[in-house]
Each structure stands twice: as structure tokens, then as C-alpha cells.
Amino acid sequence: MSTFCDGPGWTDEQAAAAFHCHVNTARNVRQRLVEKGLEAALERKKRCRPGREKILDGEGEARLVSIACGQAPGGCARWTMQLLANRLVELKIVESISKETVRKMLKKTNLSRGRLQSQ
């Protein structure tokens, strides 16, 4: 049975297979180890920029789902992503939001807008 100590002669491909990761990951870790030392190799890479703040918090997401499950505006058979984005702005839940952000939020909820729910 191999241990970590057996690894110094491994290729990046062998290390990736042993640790169930991508070859690029093994290569990058090895490079950080050589160039910056053990601590840098073991720690996660630092971000150049801070992460972006969420556009909708939990309450905002709940409001989005509630709107999406409700009756579509007059003249529309169902909600579109753009209609939902516009409604969130109208209700002053957010200052601005794209239809793609709305789509991603709804995708996380497994909400099917294409299938009628039986009651």
C-alpha cells in the first residue's frame, strides 16, 4: 500500500490518480511546493479580488420563488426570466438584476416553471 512518502518520484498523472484530482491540480500543487514551499502548497490559493456580494439574500430569494409560483402578469401565459427580473426591481427588492441571475437562482430551487403543479 502506497503512502504519501512514496510519492516524490510520481508523475503528475500518477499523483492525480492517487489523490483523485485533475492532473492540472497535481501539477499546480507541485509547482507551488517547489516555488513557494509546503505551506503555500497546502493552502488554498488566495483570491486577487474579494468575492462579489450576493444580489439576493435569503429573503429576496424567497420573494423571487413566491413571485415565480404566482400568477403571471396579465397577457402572459407564464413568467419569463426578464419579467421576474423586472418585477423584483419594481418591488424594490433589488436595485437591478439580470435575467441570467434570476435563472440561476431559480435553478437552485428545482422549481419547474414548465410543468403545471397538480393540487
PDB file of N, CA and C in Angstrom:
ATOM      1  N   MET A   1       0.846  -1.186   0.000  1.00  0.00           N
ATOM      2  CA  MET A   1       0.000   0.000   0.000  1.00  0.00           C
ATOM      3  C   MET A   1       0.884   1.238   0.000  1.00  0.00           C
ATOM      4  N   SER A   2       0.606   2.176  -0.888  1.00  0.00           N
ATOM      5  CA  SER A   2       1.409   3.386  -1.008  1.00  0.00           C
ATOM      6  C   SER A   2       1.027   4.398   0.048  1.00  0.00           C
ATOM      7  N   THR A   3       1.993   5.164   0.483  1.00  0.00           N
ATOM      8  CA  THR A   3       1.734   6.282   1.387  1.00  0.00           C
ATOM      9  C   THR A   3       2.215   7.540   0.715  1.00  0.00           C
ATOM     10  N   PHE A   4       1.976   8.671   1.359  1.00  0.00           N
ATOM     11  CA  PHE A   4       2.390   9.940   0.796  1.00  0.00           C
ATOM     12  C   PHE A   4       3.903   9.979   0.610  1.00  0.00           C
ATOM     13  N   CYS A   5       4.648   9.295   1.481  1.00  0.00           N
ATOM     14  CA  CYS A   5       6.113   9.316   1.401  1.00  0.00           C
ATOM     15  C   CYS A   5       6.634   8.622   0.149  1.00  0.00           C
ATOM     16  N   ASP A   6       5.817   7.764  -0.452  1.00  0.00           N
ATOM     17  CA  ASP A   6       6.241   7.081  -1.671  1.00  0.00           C
ATOM     18  C   ASP A   6       6.117   7.979  -2.898  1.00  0.00           C
ATOM     19  N   GLY A   7       5.582   9.161  -2.757  1.00  0.00           N
ATOM     20  CA  GLY A   7       5.215   9.977  -3.889  1.00  0.00           C
ATOM     21  C   GLY A   7       6.268  10.795  -4.584  1.00  0.00           C
ATOM     22  N   PRO A   8       7.424  11.085  -4.045  1.00  0.00           N
ATOM     23  CA  PRO A   8       8.333  12.025  -4.692  1.00  0.00           C
ATOM     24  C   PRO A   8       8.701  11.688  -6.134  1.00  0.00           C
ATOM     25  N   GLY A   9       8.702  10.438  -6.518  1.00  0.00           N
ATOM     26  CA  GLY A   9       9.056  10.091  -7.886  1.00  0.00           C
ATOM     27  C   GLY A   9       7.861  10.006  -8.821  1.00  0.00           C
ATOM     28  N   TRP A  10       6.683  10.291  -8.313  1.00  0.00           N
ATOM     29  CA  TRP A  10       5.483  10.165  -9.129  1.00  0.00           C
ATOM     30  C   TRP A  10       5.414  11.249 -10.192  1.00  0.00           C
ATOM     31  N   THR A  11       4.815  10.876 -11.323  1.00  0.00           N
ATOM     32  CA  THR A  11       4.486  11.877 -12.338  1.00  0.00           C
ATOM     33  C   THR A  11       3.224  12.603 -11.870  1.00  0.00           C
ATOM     34  N   ASP A  12       2.913  13.700 -12.521  1.00  0.00           N
ATOM     35  CA  ASP A  12       1.682  14.418 -12.176  1.00  0.00           C
ATOM     36  C   ASP A  12       0.462  13.531 -12.402  1.00  0.00           C
ATOM     37  N   GLU A  13       0.507  12.708 -13.423  1.00  0.00           N
ATOM     38  CA  GLU A  13      -0.605  11.806 -13.725  1.00  0.00           C
ATOM     39  C   GLU A  13      -0.791  10.780 -12.614  1.00  0.00           C
ATOM     40  N   GLN A  14       0.310  10.231 -12.096  1.00  0.00           N
ATOM     41  CA  GLN A  14       0.225   9.252 -11.014  1.00  0.00           C
ATOM     42  C   GLN A  14      -0.304   9.902  -9.739  1.00  0.00           C
ATOM     43  N   ALA A  15       0.181  11.093  -9.435  1.00  0.00           N
ATOM     44  CA  ALA A  15      -0.284  11.801  -8.239  1.00  0.00           C
ATOM     45  C   ALA A  15      -1.764  12.131  -8.359  1.00  0.00           C
ATOM     46  N   ALA A  16      -2.196  12.573  -9.529  1.00  0.00           N
ATOM     47  CA  ALA A  16      -3.608  12.904  -9.740  1.00  0.00           C
ATOM     48  C   ALA A  16      -4.487  11.670  -9.563  1.00  0.00           C
ATOM     49  N   ALA A  17      -4.051  10.543 -10.092  1.00  0.00           N
ATOM     50  CA  ALA A  17      -4.822   9.305  -9.953  1.00  0.00           C
ATOM     51  C   ALA A  17      -4.879   8.873  -8.487  1.00  0.00           C
ATOM     52  N   ALA A  18      -3.764   8.986  -7.777  1.00  0.00           N
ATOM     53  CA  ALA A  18      -3.714   8.556  -6.374  1.00  0.00           C
ATOM     54  C   ALA A  18      -4.584   9.419  -5.479  1.00  0.00           C
ATOM     55  N   PHE A  19      -4.658  10.716  -5.785  1.00  0.00           N
ATOM     56  CA  PHE A  19      -5.409  11.632  -4.926  1.00  0.00           C
ATOM     57  C   PHE A  19      -6.746  12.058  -5.523  1.00  0.00           C
ATOM     58  N   HIS A  20      -7.158  11.371  -6.591  1.00  0.00           N
ATOM     59  CA  HIS A  20      -8.474  11.591  -7.212  1.00  0.00           C
ATOM     60  C   HIS A  20      -8.695  13.064  -7.539  1.00  0.00           C
ATOM     61  N   CYS A  21      -7.759  13.642  -8.264  1.00  0.00           N
ATOM     62  CA  CYS A  21      -7.892  15.039  -8.684  1.00  0.00           C
ATOM     63  C   CYS A  21      -7.435  15.148 -10.140  1.00  0.00           C
ATOM     64  N   HIS A  22      -7.595  16.308 -10.704  1.00  0.00           N
ATOM     65  CA  HIS A  22      -7.202  16.547 -12.086  1.00  0.00           C
ATOM     66  C   HIS A  22      -5.681  16.682 -12.164  1.00  0.00           C
ATOM     67  N   VAL A  23      -5.126  16.320 -13.288  1.00  0.00           N
ATOM     68  CA  VAL A  23      -3.677  16.408 -13.490  1.00  0.00           C
ATOM     69  C   VAL A  23      -3.194  17.845 -13.292  1.00  0.00           C
ATOM     70  N   ASN A  24      -3.977  18.815 -13.744  1.00  0.00           N
ATOM     71  CA  ASN A  24      -3.587  20.213 -13.560  1.00  0.00           C
ATOM     72  C   ASN A  24      -3.475  20.578 -12.079  1.00  0.00           C
ATOM     73  N   THR A  25      -4.350  20.024 -11.256  1.00  0.00           N
ATOM     74  CA  THR A  25      -4.284  20.285  -9.819  1.00  0.00           C
ATOM     75  C   THR A  25      -2.983  19.749  -9.255  1.00  0.00           C
ATOM     76  N   ALA A  26      -2.648  18.521  -9.600  1.00  0.00           N
ATOM     77  CA  ALA A  26      -1.383  17.929  -9.131  1.00  0.00           C
ATOM     78  C   ALA A  26      -0.197  18.765  -9.596  1.00  0.00           C
ATOM     79  N   ARG A  27      -0.233  19.191 -10.830  1.00  0.00           N
ATOM     80  CA  ARG A  27       0.856  19.998 -11.396  1.00  0.00           C
ATOM     81  C   ARG A  27       0.980  21.340 -10.665  1.00  0.00           C
ATOM     82  N   ASN A  28      -0.155  21.988 -10.420  1.00  0.00           N
ATOM     83  CA  ASN A  28      -0.143  23.287  -9.743  1.00  0.00           C
ATOM     84  C   ASN A  28       0.343  23.177  -8.300  1.00  0.00           C
ATOM     85  N   VAL A  29      -0.075  22.133  -7.596  1.00  0.00           N
ATOM     86  CA  VAL A  29       0.367  21.933  -6.215  1.00  0.00           C
ATOM     87  C   VAL A  29       1.872  21.681  -6.190  1.00  0.00           C
ATOM     88  N   ARG A  30       2.347  20.844  -7.097  1.00  0.00           N
ATOM     89  CA  ARG A  30       3.781  20.575  -7.171  1.00  0.00           C
ATOM     90  C   ARG A  30       4.558  21.862  -7.453  1.00  0.00           C
ATOM     91  N   GLN A  31       4.061  22.673  -8.366  1.00  0.00           N
ATOM     92  CA  GLN A  31       4.740  23.918  -8.714  1.00  0.00           C
ATOM     93  C   GLN A  31       4.774  24.875  -7.521  1.00  0.00           C
ATOM     94  N   ARG A  32       3.624  24.993  -6.785  1.00  0.00           N
ATOM     95  CA  ARG A  32       3.617  25.860  -5.598  1.00  0.00           C
ATOM     96  C   ARG A  32       4.578  25.352  -4.535  1.00  0.00           C
ATOM     97  N   LEU A  33       4.668  24.025  -4.391  1.00  0.00           N
ATOM     98  CA  LEU A  33       5.587  23.442  -3.422  1.00  0.00           C
ATOM     99  C   LEU A  33       7.032  23.828  -3.751  1.00  0.00           C
ATOM    100  N   VAL A  34       7.396  23.686  -5.001  1.00  0.00           N
ATOM    101  CA  VAL A  34       8.771  23.986  -5.417  1.00  0.00           C
ATOM    102  C   VAL A  34       9.067  25.483  -5.311  1.00  0.00           C
ATOM    103  N   GLU A  35       8.130  26.312  -5.770  1.00  0.00           N
ATOM    104  CA  GLU A  35       8.398  27.747  -5.842  1.00  0.00           C
ATOM    105  C   GLU A  35       8.161  28.483  -4.527  1.00  0.00           C
ATOM    106  N   LYS A  36       7.173  28.036  -3.728  1.00  0.00           N
ATOM    107  CA  LYS A  36       6.778  28.826  -2.557  1.00  0.00           C
ATOM    108  C   LYS A  36       6.808  28.062  -1.242  1.00  0.00           C
ATOM    109  N   GLY A  37       7.065  26.751  -1.279  1.00  0.00           N
ATOM    110  CA  GLY A  37       7.172  25.983  -0.045  1.00  0.00           C
ATOM    111  C   GLY A  37       5.921  25.208   0.307  1.00  0.00           C
ATOM    112  N   LEU A  38       6.046  24.415   1.388  1.00  0.00           N
ATOM    113  CA  LEU A  38       4.993  23.490   1.807  1.00  0.00           C
ATOM    114  C   LEU A  38       3.703  24.209   2.200  1.00  0.00           C
ATOM    115  N   GLU A  39       3.797  25.277   2.997  1.00  0.00           N
ATOM    116  CA  GLU A  39       2.591  25.986   3.437  1.00  0.00           C
ATOM    117  C   GLU A  39       1.772  26.482   2.253  1.00  0.00           C
ATOM    118  N   ALA A  40       2.425  27.079   1.270  1.00  0.00           N
ATOM    119  CA  ALA A  40       1.724  27.590   0.091  1.00  0.00           C
ATOM    120  C   ALA A  40       1.090  26.451  -0.701  1.00  0.00           C
ATOM    121  N   ALA A  41       1.753  25.305  -0.741  1.00  0.00           N
ATOM    122  CA  ALA A  41       1.220  24.165  -1.493  1.00  0.00           C
ATOM    123  C   ALA A  41      -0.022  23.593  -0.826  1.00  0.00           C
ATOM    124  N   LEU A  42      -0.074  23.641   0.507  1.00  0.00           N
ATOM    125  CA  LEU A  42      -1.195  23.051   1.233  1.00  0.00           C
ATOM    126  C   LEU A  42      -2.384  23.993   1.386  1.00  0.00           C
ATOM    127  N   GLU A  43      -2.132  25.293   1.315  1.00  0.00           N
ATOM    128  CA  GLU A  43      -3.215  26.250   1.491  1.00  0.00           C
ATOM    129  C   GLU A  43      -3.904  26.544   0.177  1.00  0.00           C
ATOM    130  N   ARG A  44      -5.123  26.991   0.290  1.00  0.00           N
ATOM    131  CA  ARG A  44      -5.886  27.380  -0.878  1.00  0.00           C
ATOM    132  C   ARG A  44      -5.320  28.645  -1.481  1.00  0.00           C
ATOM    133  N   LYS A  45      -5.392  28.749  -2.779  1.00  0.00           N
ATOM    134  CA  LYS A  45      -4.887  29.924  -3.473  1.00  0.00           C
ATOM    135  C   LYS A  45      -5.697  31.156  -3.058  1.00  0.00           C
ATOM    136  N   LYS A  46      -5.013  32.231  -2.752  1.00  0.00           N
ATOM    137  CA  LYS A  46      -5.667  33.474  -2.353  1.00  0.00           C
ATOM    138  C   LYS A  46      -6.271  34.155  -3.580  1.00  0.00           C
ATOM    139  N   ARG A  47      -7.451  34.722  -3.382  1.00  0.00           N
ATOM    140  CA  ARG A  47      -8.123  35.442  -4.470  1.00  0.00           C
ATOM    141  C   ARG A  47      -7.485  36.800  -4.663  1.00  0.00           C
ATOM    142  N   CYS A  48      -7.356  37.216  -5.911  1.00  0.00           N
ATOM    143  CA  CYS A  48      -6.830  38.551  -6.222  1.00  0.00           C
ATOM    144  C   CYS A  48      -7.835  39.623  -5.831  1.00  0.00           C
ATOM    145  N   ARG A  49      -9.117  39.322  -6.051  1.00  0.00           N
ATOM    146  CA  ARG A  49     -10.184  40.259  -5.730  1.00  0.00           C
ATOM    147  C   ARG A  49     -11.114  39.600  -4.719  1.00  0.00           C
ATOM    148  N   PRO A  50     -11.766  40.374  -3.888  1.00  0.00           N
ATOM    149  CA  PRO A  50     -12.745  39.772  -2.979  1.00  0.00           C
ATOM    150  C   PRO A  50     -13.935  39.245  -3.771  1.00  0.00           C
ATOM    151  N   GLY A  51     -14.615  38.259  -3.226  1.00  0.00           N
ATOM    152  CA  GLY A  51     -15.796  37.710  -3.889  1.00  0.00           C
ATOM    153  C   GLY A  51     -16.888  38.761  -4.008  1.00  0.00           C
ATOM    154  N   ARG A  52     -17.748  38.563  -4.951  1.00  0.00           N
ATOM    155  CA  ARG A  52     -18.830  39.508  -5.173  1.00  0.00           C
ATOM    156  C   ARG A  52     -19.957  39.248  -4.183  1.00  0.00           C
ATOM    157  N   GLU A  53     -20.560  40.319  -3.681  1.00  0.00           N
ATOM    158  CA  GLU A  53     -21.677  40.175  -2.759  1.00  0.00           C
ATOM    159  C   GLU A  53     -22.879  39.601  -3.486  1.00  0.00           C
ATOM    160  N   LYS A  54     -23.663  38.805  -2.762  1.00  0.00           N
ATOM    161  CA  LYS A  54     -24.869  38.236  -3.352  1.00  0.00           C
ATOM    162  C   LYS A  54     -25.861  39.343  -3.661  1.00  0.00           C
ATOM    163  N   ILE A  55     -26.540  39.215  -4.773  1.00  0.00           N
ATOM    164  CA  ILE A  55     -27.533  40.207  -5.163  1.00  0.00           C
ATOM    165  C   ILE A  55     -28.803  40.021  -4.338  1.00  0.00           C
ATOM    166  N   LEU A  56     -29.201  38.766  -4.153  1.00  0.00           N
ATOM    167  CA  LEU A  56     -30.388  38.455  -3.355  1.00  0.00           C
ATOM    168  C   LEU A  56     -29.977  37.693  -2.105  1.00  0.00           C
ATOM    169  N   ASP A  57     -30.459  38.129  -0.958  1.00  0.00           N
ATOM    170  CA  ASP A  57     -30.238  37.371   0.264  1.00  0.00           C
ATOM    171  C   ASP A  57     -31.324  36.292   0.350  1.00  0.00           C
ATOM    172  N   GLY A  58     -31.387  35.576   1.440  1.00  0.00           N
ATOM    173  CA  GLY A  58     -32.369  34.503   1.591  1.00  0.00           C
ATOM    174  C   GLY A  58     -33.803  34.986   1.462  1.00  0.00           C
ATOM    175  N   GLU A  59     -34.073  36.150   2.044  1.00  0.00           N
ATOM    176  CA  GLU A  59     -35.422  36.713   1.965  1.00  0.00           C
ATOM    177  C   GLU A  59     -35.766  37.094   0.533  1.00  0.00           C
ATOM    178  N   GLY A  60     -34.794  37.669  -0.182  1.00  0.00           N
ATOM    179  CA  GLY A  60     -35.007  38.034  -1.581  1.00  0.00           C
ATOM    180  C   GLY A  60     -35.247  36.820  -2.454  1.00  0.00           C
ATOM    181  N   GLU A  61     -34.492  35.751  -2.190  1.00  0.00           N
ATOM    182  CA  GLU A  61     -34.704  34.508  -2.955  1.00  0.00           C
ATOM    183  C   GLU A  61     -36.095  33.955  -2.689  1.00  0.00           C
ATOM    184  N   ALA A  62     -36.530  34.015  -1.430  1.00  0.00           N
ATOM    185  CA  ALA A  62     -37.869  33.525  -1.092  1.00  0.00           C
ATOM    186  C   ALA A  62     -38.942  34.340  -1.807  1.00  0.00           C
ATOM    187  N   ARG A  63     -38.747  35.648  -1.885  1.00  0.00           N
ATOM    188  CA  ARG A  63     -39.701  36.501  -2.592  1.00  0.00           C
ATOM    189  C   ARG A  63     -39.721  36.155  -4.079  1.00  0.00           C
ATOM    190  N   LEU A  64     -38.546  35.907  -4.660  1.00  0.00           N
ATOM    191  CA  LEU A  64     -38.460  35.533  -6.075  1.00  0.00           C
ATOM    192  C   LEU A  64     -39.250  34.249  -6.337  1.00  0.00           C
ATOM    193  N   VAL A  65     -39.053  33.250  -5.499  1.00  0.00           N
ATOM    194  CA  VAL A  65     -39.763  31.976  -5.670  1.00  0.00           C
ATOM    195  C   VAL A  65     -41.266  32.194  -5.519  1.00  0.00           C
ATOM    196  N   SER A  66     -41.645  32.991  -4.545  1.00  0.00           N
ATOM    197  CA  SER A  66     -43.061  33.282  -4.326  1.00  0.00           C
ATOM    198  C   SER A  66     -43.681  33.945  -5.556  1.00  0.00           C
ATOM    199  N   ILE A  67     -42.984  34.907  -6.130  1.00  0.00           N
ATOM    200  CA  ILE A  67     -43.479  35.590  -7.331  1.00  0.00           C
ATOM    201  C   ILE A  67     -43.559  34.605  -8.497  1.00  0.00           C
ATOM    202  N   ALA A  68     -42.508  33.794  -8.670  1.00  0.00           N
ATOM    203  CA  ALA A  68     -42.462  32.848  -9.790  1.00  0.00           C
ATOM    204  C   ALA A  68     -43.570  31.806  -9.697  1.00  0.00           C
ATOM    205  N   CYS A  69     -43.981  31.466  -8.479  1.00  0.00           N
ATOM    206  CA  CYS A  69     -45.049  30.477  -8.300  1.00  0.00           C
ATOM    207  C   CYS A  69     -46.433  31.093  -8.439  1.00  0.00           C
ATOM    208  N   GLY A  70     -46.484  32.406  -8.423  1.00  0.00           N
ATOM    209  CA  GLY A  70     -47.768  33.092  -8.502  1.00  0.00           C
ATOM    210  C   GLY A  70     -48.244  33.278  -9.934  1.00  0.00           C
ATOM    211  N   GLN A  71     -49.349  33.978 -10.024  1.00  0.00           N
ATOM    212  CA  GLN A  71     -49.985  34.242 -11.320  1.00  0.00           C
ATOM    213  C   GLN A  71     -49.114  35.180 -12.147  1.00  0.00           C
ATOM    214  N   ALA A  72     -48.922  34.838 -13.414  1.00  0.00           N
ATOM    215  CA  ALA A  72     -48.152  35.691 -14.328  1.00  0.00           C
ATOM    216  C   ALA A  72     -48.933  36.963 -14.606  1.00  0.00           C
ATOM    217  N   PRO A  73     -48.236  38.035 -14.973  1.00  0.00           N
ATOM    218  CA  PRO A  73     -48.943  39.282 -15.260  1.00  0.00           C
ATOM    219  C   PRO A  73     -49.921  39.127 -16.426  1.00  0.00           C
ATOM    220  N   GLY A  74     -50.896  40.005 -16.459  1.00  0.00           N
ATOM    221  CA  GLY A  74     -51.928  39.956 -17.498  1.00  0.00           C
ATOM    222  C   GLY A  74     -51.337  39.909 -18.899  1.00  0.00           C
ATOM    223  N   GLY A  75     -51.914  39.043 -19.730  1.00  0.00           N
ATOM    224  CA  GLY A  75     -51.454  38.923 -21.110  1.00  0.00           C
ATOM    225  C   GLY A  75     -50.309  37.944 -21.280  1.00  0.00           C
ATOM    226  N   CYS A  76     -49.815  37.364 -20.197  1.00  0.00           N
ATOM    227  CA  CYS A  76     -48.699  36.402 -20.269  1.00  0.00           C
ATOM    228  C   CYS A  76     -49.158  35.051 -19.726  1.00  0.00           C
ATOM    229  N   ALA A  77     -48.802  34.009 -20.441  1.00  0.00           N
ATOM    230  CA  ALA A  77     -49.167  32.666 -20.002  1.00  0.00           C
ATOM    231  C   ALA A  77     -48.341  32.227 -18.793  1.00  0.00           C
ATOM    232  N   ARG A  78     -47.070  32.671 -18.740  1.00  0.00           N
ATOM    233  CA  ARG A  78     -46.197  32.320 -17.614  1.00  0.00           C
ATOM    234  C   ARG A  78     -45.132  33.384 -17.446  1.00  0.00           C
ATOM    235  N   TRP A  79     -44.461  33.302 -16.324  1.00  0.00           N
ATOM    236  CA  TRP A  79     -43.372  34.238 -16.041  1.00  0.00           C
ATOM    237  C   TRP A  79     -42.169  33.914 -16.921  1.00  0.00           C
ATOM    238  N   THR A  80     -41.539  34.939 -17.439  1.00  0.00           N
ATOM    239  CA  THR A  80     -40.236  34.775 -18.094  1.00  0.00           C
ATOM    240  C   THR A  80     -39.180  35.281 -17.124  1.00  0.00           C
ATOM    241  N   MET A  81     -37.941  34.967 -17.393  1.00  0.00           N
ATOM    242  CA  MET A  81     -36.858  35.440 -16.522  1.00  0.00           C
ATOM    243  C   MET A  81     -36.816  36.970 -16.499  1.00  0.00           C
ATOM    244  N   GLN A  82     -37.034  37.582 -17.663  1.00  0.00           N
ATOM    245  CA  GLN A  82     -36.996  39.041 -17.735  1.00  0.00           C
ATOM    246  C   GLN A  82     -38.161  39.660 -16.970  1.00  0.00           C
ATOM    247  N   LEU A  83     -39.354  39.060 -17.079  1.00  0.00           N
ATOM    248  CA  LEU A  83     -40.494  39.567 -16.321  1.00  0.00           C
ATOM    249  C   LEU A  83     -40.236  39.481 -14.822  1.00  0.00           C
ATOM    250  N   LEU A  84     -39.640  38.378 -14.379  1.00  0.00           N
ATOM    251  CA  LEU A  84     -39.322  38.220 -12.961  1.00  0.00           C
ATOM    252  C   LEU A  84     -38.289  39.247 -12.515  1.00  0.00           C
ATOM    253  N   ALA A  85     -37.260  39.451 -13.325  1.00  0.00           N
ATOM    254  CA  ALA A  85     -36.233  40.445 -13.007  1.00  0.00           C
ATOM    255  C   ALA A  85     -36.869  41.833 -12.896  1.00  0.00           C
ATOM    256  N   ASN A  86     -37.727  42.171 -13.844  1.00  0.00           N
ATOM    257  CA  ASN A  86     -38.401  43.469 -13.821  1.00  0.00           C
ATOM    258  C   ASN A  86     -39.273  43.626 -12.575  1.00  0.00           C
ATOM    259  N   ARG A  87     -39.966  42.553 -12.188  1.00  0.00           N
ATOM    260  CA  ARG A  87     -40.842  42.618 -11.012  1.00  0.00           C
ATOM    261  C   ARG A  87     -40.027  42.824  -9.731  1.00  0.00           C
ATOM    262  N   LEU A  88     -38.877  42.167  -9.631  1.00  0.00           N
ATOM    263  CA  LEU A  88     -38.029  42.351  -8.453  1.00  0.00           C
ATOM    264  C   LEU A  88     -37.573  43.804  -8.326  1.00  0.00           C
ATOM    265  N   VAL A  89     -37.301  44.440  -9.453  1.00  0.00           N
ATOM    266  CA  VAL A  89     -36.899  45.853  -9.441  1.00  0.00           C
ATOM    267  C   VAL A  89     -38.103  46.731  -9.099  1.00  0.00           C
ATOM    268  N   GLU A  90     -39.257  46.448  -9.702  1.00  0.00           N
ATOM    269  CA  GLU A  90     -40.479  47.218  -9.419  1.00  0.00           C
ATOM    270  C   GLU A  90     -40.819  47.195  -7.939  1.00  0.00           C
ATOM    271  N   LEU A  91     -40.665  46.020  -7.301  1.00  0.00           N
ATOM    272  CA  LEU A  91     -40.997  45.871  -5.880  1.00  0.00           C
ATOM    273  C   LEU A  91     -39.885  46.376  -4.962  1.00  0.00           C
ATOM    274  N   LYS A  92     -38.812  46.893  -5.567  1.00  0.00           N
ATOM    275  CA  LYS A  92     -37.662  47.422  -4.832  1.00  0.00           C
ATOM    276  C   LYS A  92     -36.999  46.379  -3.929  1.00  0.00           C
ATOM    277  N   ILE A  93     -37.045  45.121  -4.384  1.00  0.00           N
ATOM    278  CA  ILE A  93     -36.329  44.047  -3.688  1.00  0.00           C
ATOM    279  C   ILE A  93     -34.848  44.166  -4.007  1.00  0.00           C
ATOM    280  N   VAL A  94     -34.553  44.566  -5.243  1.00  0.00           N
ATOM    281  CA  VAL A  94     -33.183  44.823  -5.682  1.00  0.00           C
ATOM    282  C   VAL A  94     -33.181  46.093  -6.518  1.00  0.00           C
ATOM    283  N   GLU A  95     -32.004  46.705  -6.632  1.00  0.00           N
ATOM    284  CA  GLU A  95     -31.886  47.892  -7.467  1.00  0.00           C
ATOM    285  C   GLU A  95     -31.852  47.502  -8.944  1.00  0.00           C
ATOM    286  N   SER A  96     -31.123  46.409  -9.234  1.00  0.00           N
ATOM    287  CA  SER A  96     -31.089  45.872 -10.594  1.00  0.00           C
ATOM    288  C   SER A  96     -30.689  44.400 -10.495  1.00  0.00           C
ATOM    289  N   ILE A  97     -31.124  43.630 -11.493  1.00  0.00           N
ATOM    290  CA  ILE A  97     -30.806  42.205 -11.544  1.00  0.00           C
ATOM    291  C   ILE A  97     -30.996  41.735 -12.984  1.00  0.00           C
ATOM    292  N   SER A  98     -30.147  40.825 -13.422  1.00  0.00           N
ATOM    293  CA  SER A  98     -30.261  40.331 -14.793  1.00  0.00           C
ATOM    294  C   SER A  98     -31.152  39.089 -14.833  1.00  0.00           C
ATOM    295  N   LYS A  99     -31.666  38.822 -16.015  1.00  0.00           N
ATOM    296  CA  LYS A  99     -32.497  37.621 -16.169  1.00  0.00           C
ATOM    297  C   LYS A  99     -31.669  36.360 -15.943  1.00  0.00           C
ATOM    298  N   GLU A 100     -30.358  36.417 -16.219  1.00  0.00           N
ATOM    299  CA  GLU A 100     -29.487  35.259 -16.001  1.00  0.00           C
ATOM    300  C   GLU A 100     -29.325  34.975 -14.509  1.00  0.00           C
ATOM    301  N   THR A 101     -29.223  36.014 -13.703  1.00  0.00           N
ATOM    302  CA  THR A 101     -29.139  35.828 -12.254  1.00  0.00           C
ATOM    303  C   THR A 101     -30.429  35.222 -11.728  1.00  0.00           C
ATOM    304  N   VAL A 102     -31.552  35.681 -12.242  1.00  0.00           N
ATOM    305  CA  VAL A 102     -32.852  35.117 -11.859  1.00  0.00           C
ATOM    306  C   VAL A 102     -32.894  33.635 -12.236  1.00  0.00           C
ATOM    307  N   ARG A 103     -32.444  33.317 -13.433  1.00  0.00           N
ATOM    308  CA  ARG A 103     -32.448  31.914 -13.878  1.00  0.00           C
ATOM    309  C   ARG A 103     -31.615  31.043 -12.952  1.00  0.00           C
ATOM    310  N   LYS A 104     -30.419  31.513 -12.602  1.00  0.00           N
ATOM    311  CA  LYS A 104     -29.546  30.733 -11.721  1.00  0.00           C
ATOM    312  C   LYS A 104     -30.160  30.540 -10.342  1.00  0.00           C
ATOM    313  N   MET A 105     -30.807  31.569  -9.821  1.00  0.00           N
ATOM    314  CA  MET A 105     -31.455  31.466  -8.509  1.00  0.00           C
ATOM    315  C   MET A 105     -32.576  30.427  -8.543  1.00  0.00           C
ATOM    316  N   LEU A 106     -33.387  30.482  -9.589  1.00  0.00           N
ATOM    317  CA  LEU A 106     -34.495  29.534  -9.680  1.00  0.00           C
ATOM    318  C   LEU A 106     -34.004  28.118  -9.937  1.00  0.00           C
ATOM    319  N   LYS A 107     -32.913  27.979 -10.650  1.00  0.00           N
ATOM    320  CA  LYS A 107     -32.358  26.650 -10.913  1.00  0.00           C
ATOM    321  C   LYS A 107     -31.967  25.966  -9.613  1.00  0.00           C
ATOM    322  N   LYS A 108     -31.455  26.739  -8.662  1.00  0.00           N
ATOM    323  CA  LYS A 108     -31.061  26.177  -7.372  1.00  0.00           C
ATOM    324  C   LYS A 108     -32.250  25.625  -6.603  1.00  0.00           C
ATOM    325  N   THR A 109     -33.443  26.127  -6.872  1.00  0.00           N
ATOM    326  CA  THR A 109     -34.628  25.710  -6.116  1.00  0.00           C
ATOM    327  C   THR A 109     -35.308  24.482  -6.709  1.00  0.00           C
ATOM    328  N   ASN A 110     -34.871  24.033  -7.889  1.00  0.00           N
ATOM    329  CA  ASN A 110     -35.522  22.929  -8.606  1.00  0.00           C
ATOM    330  C   ASN A 110     -36.977  23.240  -8.933  1.00  0.00           C
ATOM    331  N   LEU A 111     -37.281  24.507  -9.059  1.00  0.00           N
ATOM    332  CA  LEU A 111     -38.625  24.935  -9.411  1.00  0.00           C
ATOM    333  C   LEU A 111     -38.834  24.728 -10.902  1.00  0.00           C
ATOM    334  N   SER A 112     -39.841  23.961 -11.248  1.00  0.00           N
ATOM    335  CA  SER A 112     -40.133  23.727 -12.662  1.00  0.00           C
ATOM    336  C   SER A 112     -41.220  24.682 -13.105  1.00  0.00           C
ATOM    337  N   ARG A 113     -40.851  25.649 -13.937  1.00  0.00           N
ATOM    338  CA  ARG A 113     -41.834  26.598 -14.427  1.00  0.00           C
ATOM    339  C   ARG A 113     -42.575  26.042 -15.636  1.00  0.00           C
ATOM    340  N   GLY A 114     -42.067  24.976 -16.229  1.00  0.00           N
ATOM    341  CA  GLY A 114     -42.669  24.433 -17.446  1.00  0.00           C
ATOM    342  C   GLY A 114     -43.725  23.386 -17.196  1.00  0.00           C
ATOM    343  N   ARG A 115     -43.859  22.934 -15.965  1.00  0.00           N
ATOM    344  CA  ARG A 115     -44.793  21.876 -15.637  1.00  0.00           C
ATOM    345  C   ARG A 115     -45.831  22.433 -14.672  1.00  0.00           C
ATOM    346  N   LEU A 116     -47.088  22.194 -14.943  1.00  0.00           N
ATOM    347  CA  LEU A 116     -48.149  22.648 -14.033  1.00  0.00           C
ATOM    348  C   LEU A 116     -48.149  21.768 -12.805  1.00  0.00           C
ATOM    349  N   GLN A 117     -48.279  22.377 -11.660  1.00  0.00           N
ATOM    350  CA  GLN A 117     -48.307  21.641 -10.396  1.00  0.00           C
ATOM    351  C   GLN A 117     -49.742  21.156 -10.158  1.00  0.00           C
ATOM    352  N   SER A 118     -49.909  19.892  -9.823  1.00  0.00           N
ATOM    353  CA  SER A 118     -51.249  19.379  -9.518  1.00  0.00           C
ATOM    354  C   SER A 118     -51.548  19.687  -8.051  1.00  0.00           C
ATOM    355  N   GLN A 119     -52.789  20.035  -7.786  1.00  0.00           N
ATOM    356  CA  GLN A 119     -53.152  20.391  -6.402  1.00  0.00           C
ATOM    357  C   GLN A 119     -54.154  19.427  -5.854  1.00  0.00           C
TER     358      GLN A 119
END
